[in-house]
Amino acid sequence: MNEFERLMAEAYDDGVVTEVIRPAAIVPEDAARLVLVELAMRDVHAGGHWDATPTLWRRFDQPAEPDVALEDTHLVGSLQVAYGTPTRYDITIYRATVTTLGQECGWTVETLVDEALGFGGLDLASCPRADLSPPPPVFRG
């Protein structure tokens, strides 16, 4: 099974808990730098538990060290993120997913987000949030 098939199988697991974070959590520039450095230092291929890309941060149950292939690790949860929004150096976290395995290991959406944000000295409760403005009035001609 390739990486994409594995990700899709885990994403469509019946026991998965996905939560849209409303309003979205905005990681300010200073904290974002710290979080990205720590996620890189804790990369799943370097003895850590995280795999971070500009759109998805994934947390695994064990490192994929030379004796453990990534295919032998299990996804605990993932965070969908957007870099450079709302300002150039901020990061927006807008969705979190915890797999069935993650739930069995005691993970929740909040603990997953808190672990990642903790690298920048934040948690979900104290993280700044996106400004939700009401939509503009409907145009009627």
Protein backbone atom coordinates (compact mmCIF):
# COMPACT_ATOMS: atom_id res chain seq x y z
CA MET A 1 0.00 0.00 0.00
CA ASN A 2 1.49 3.35 -0.98
CA GLU A 3 1.49 6.49 1.20
CA PHE A 4 -1.61 7.98 -0.46
CA GLU A 5 -3.66 4.78 -0.10
CA ARG A 6 -2.64 4.49 3.54
CA LEU A 7 -3.57 8.09 4.26
CA MET A 8 -6.97 7.68 2.58
CA ALA A 9 -7.68 4.44 4.45
CA GLU A 10 -6.94 6.17 7.75
CA ALA A 11 -8.91 9.26 6.77
CA TYR A 12 -12.04 7.24 5.99
CA ASP A 13 -11.82 5.13 9.13
CA ASP A 14 -15.29 4.99 10.75
CA GLY A 15 -13.92 5.87 14.18
CA VAL A 16 -12.12 9.02 13.08
CA VAL A 17 -13.00 12.23 14.90
CA THR A 18 -12.64 15.34 12.76
CA GLU A 19 -13.30 18.78 14.14
CA VAL A 20 -13.33 22.03 12.22
CA ILE A 21 -11.71 24.60 14.47
CA ARG A 22 -14.04 27.60 14.55
CA PRO A 23 -12.89 30.26 14.57
CA ALA A 24 -9.61 28.99 13.15
CA ALA A 25 -6.53 29.15 15.39
CA ILE A 26 -3.95 31.68 14.20
CA VAL A 27 -0.37 30.93 15.22
CA PRO A 28 1.46 34.29 15.33
CA GLU A 29 4.80 34.73 13.58
CA ASP A 30 7.08 34.26 16.62
CA ALA A 31 5.27 31.15 17.83
CA ALA A 32 4.97 29.83 14.25
CA ARG A 33 8.75 29.89 13.85
CA LEU A 34 9.22 27.96 17.09
CA VAL A 35 6.55 25.41 16.16
CA LEU A 36 8.05 24.80 12.69
CA VAL A 37 11.57 24.38 14.10
CA GLU A 38 10.37 21.94 16.75
CA LEU A 39 8.27 19.95 14.27
CA ALA A 40 11.31 19.67 12.00
CA MET A 41 13.46 18.52 14.91
CA ARG A 42 10.80 15.95 15.82
CA ASP A 43 10.41 14.63 12.27
CA VAL A 44 9.19 11.05 12.11
CA HIS A 45 12.19 10.13 9.94
CA ALA A 46 14.64 11.56 12.49
CA GLY A 47 13.44 9.81 15.63
CA GLY A 48 10.38 11.98 16.32
CA HIS A 49 6.65 11.59 15.86
CA TRP A 50 5.70 14.41 13.46
CA ASP A 51 5.59 14.80 9.68
CA ALA A 52 4.95 18.43 8.75
CA THR A 53 4.17 19.83 5.32
CA PRO A 54 2.80 23.29 4.44
CA THR A 55 -0.77 21.92 4.42
CA LEU A 56 -0.77 18.97 6.83
CA TRP A 57 0.93 18.15 10.13
CA ARG A 58 0.67 14.45 10.99
CA ARG A 59 1.42 12.85 14.38
CA PHE A 60 2.46 9.17 14.41
CA ASP A 61 2.62 6.63 17.23
CA GLN A 62 6.34 5.92 16.78
CA PRO A 63 9.35 7.16 14.84
CA ALA A 64 10.15 5.70 11.42
CA GLU A 65 13.77 5.00 12.26
CA PRO A 66 15.97 2.87 10.00
CA ASP A 67 14.54 -0.30 11.55
CA VAL A 68 10.93 0.95 11.43
CA ALA A 69 9.54 1.95 8.01
CA LEU A 70 6.93 4.70 7.79
CA GLU A 71 4.49 2.02 6.63
CA ASP A 72 4.92 0.33 10.02
CA THR A 73 3.97 3.44 11.97
CA HIS A 74 0.39 4.37 12.66
CA LEU A 75 -1.23 7.75 12.29
CA VAL A 76 -2.53 9.16 15.57
CA GLY A 77 -3.95 12.35 14.12
CA SER A 78 -3.42 15.23 11.75
CA LEU A 79 -3.84 18.99 11.61
CA GLN A 80 -4.78 20.81 8.44
CA VAL A 81 -2.92 24.09 8.27
CA ALA A 82 -2.36 27.01 5.93
CA TYR A 83 0.94 28.89 5.92
CA GLY A 84 1.05 32.61 5.24
CA THR A 85 -2.47 33.41 6.32
CA PRO A 86 -3.90 35.77 7.51
CA THR A 87 -0.51 37.50 7.27
CA ARG A 88 2.66 36.38 5.54
CA TYR A 89 4.32 34.62 8.48
CA ASP A 90 1.29 33.37 10.42
CA ILE A 91 -0.05 29.83 10.30
CA THR A 92 -3.75 29.00 10.46
CA ILE A 93 -4.91 25.70 11.94
CA TYR A 94 -8.44 25.04 10.72
CA ARG A 95 -9.14 21.30 11.07
CA ALA A 96 -7.96 18.50 13.34
CA THR A 97 -8.49 14.77 12.96
CA VAL A 98 -7.83 12.02 15.51
CA THR A 99 -7.82 8.42 14.27
CA THR A 100 -9.37 5.46 16.06
CA LEU A 101 -5.89 4.44 17.22
CA GLY A 102 -5.32 7.95 18.50
CA GLN A 103 -8.53 7.83 20.50
CA GLU A 104 -7.60 4.44 21.92
CA CYS A 105 -4.28 5.95 23.05
CA GLY A 106 -6.09 8.82 24.78
CA TRP A 107 -5.68 11.54 22.15
CA THR A 108 -8.37 14.16 21.58
CA VAL A 109 -8.56 17.03 19.12
CA GLU A 110 -7.53 19.40 21.89
CA THR A 111 -4.53 17.32 23.06
CA LEU A 112 -3.31 16.89 19.48
CA VAL A 113 -3.49 20.61 18.76
CA ASP A 114 -2.03 21.46 22.17
CA GLU A 115 1.04 19.27 21.55
CA ALA A 116 1.86 21.05 18.30
CA LEU A 117 1.09 24.52 19.64
CA GLY A 118 3.01 23.77 22.84
CA PHE A 119 6.24 23.94 20.84
CA GLY A 120 5.50 27.65 20.41
CA GLY A 121 4.33 28.25 23.97
CA LEU A 122 0.63 28.20 23.09
CA ASP A 123 -2.36 25.93 23.50
CA LEU A 124 -5.70 25.83 21.69
CA ALA A 125 -7.50 27.71 24.47
CA SER A 126 -5.03 30.63 24.46
CA CYS A 127 -4.21 30.74 20.75
CA PRO A 128 -5.44 33.83 18.88
CA ARG A 129 -8.43 33.16 16.65
CA ALA A 130 -9.46 34.31 13.20
CA ASP A 131 -11.82 37.24 13.03
CA LEU A 132 -15.17 35.99 11.79
CA SER A 133 -16.85 38.90 10.11
CA PRO A 134 -20.45 38.58 9.03
CA PRO A 135 -20.86 38.10 5.29
CA PRO A 136 -21.71 41.17 3.20
CA PRO A 137 -25.38 41.87 2.56
CA VAL A 138 -26.90 40.13 -0.41
CA PHE A 139 -27.00 42.29 -3.55
CA ARG A 140 -30.50 42.74 -4.86
CA GLY A 141 -31.02 44.61 -8.07
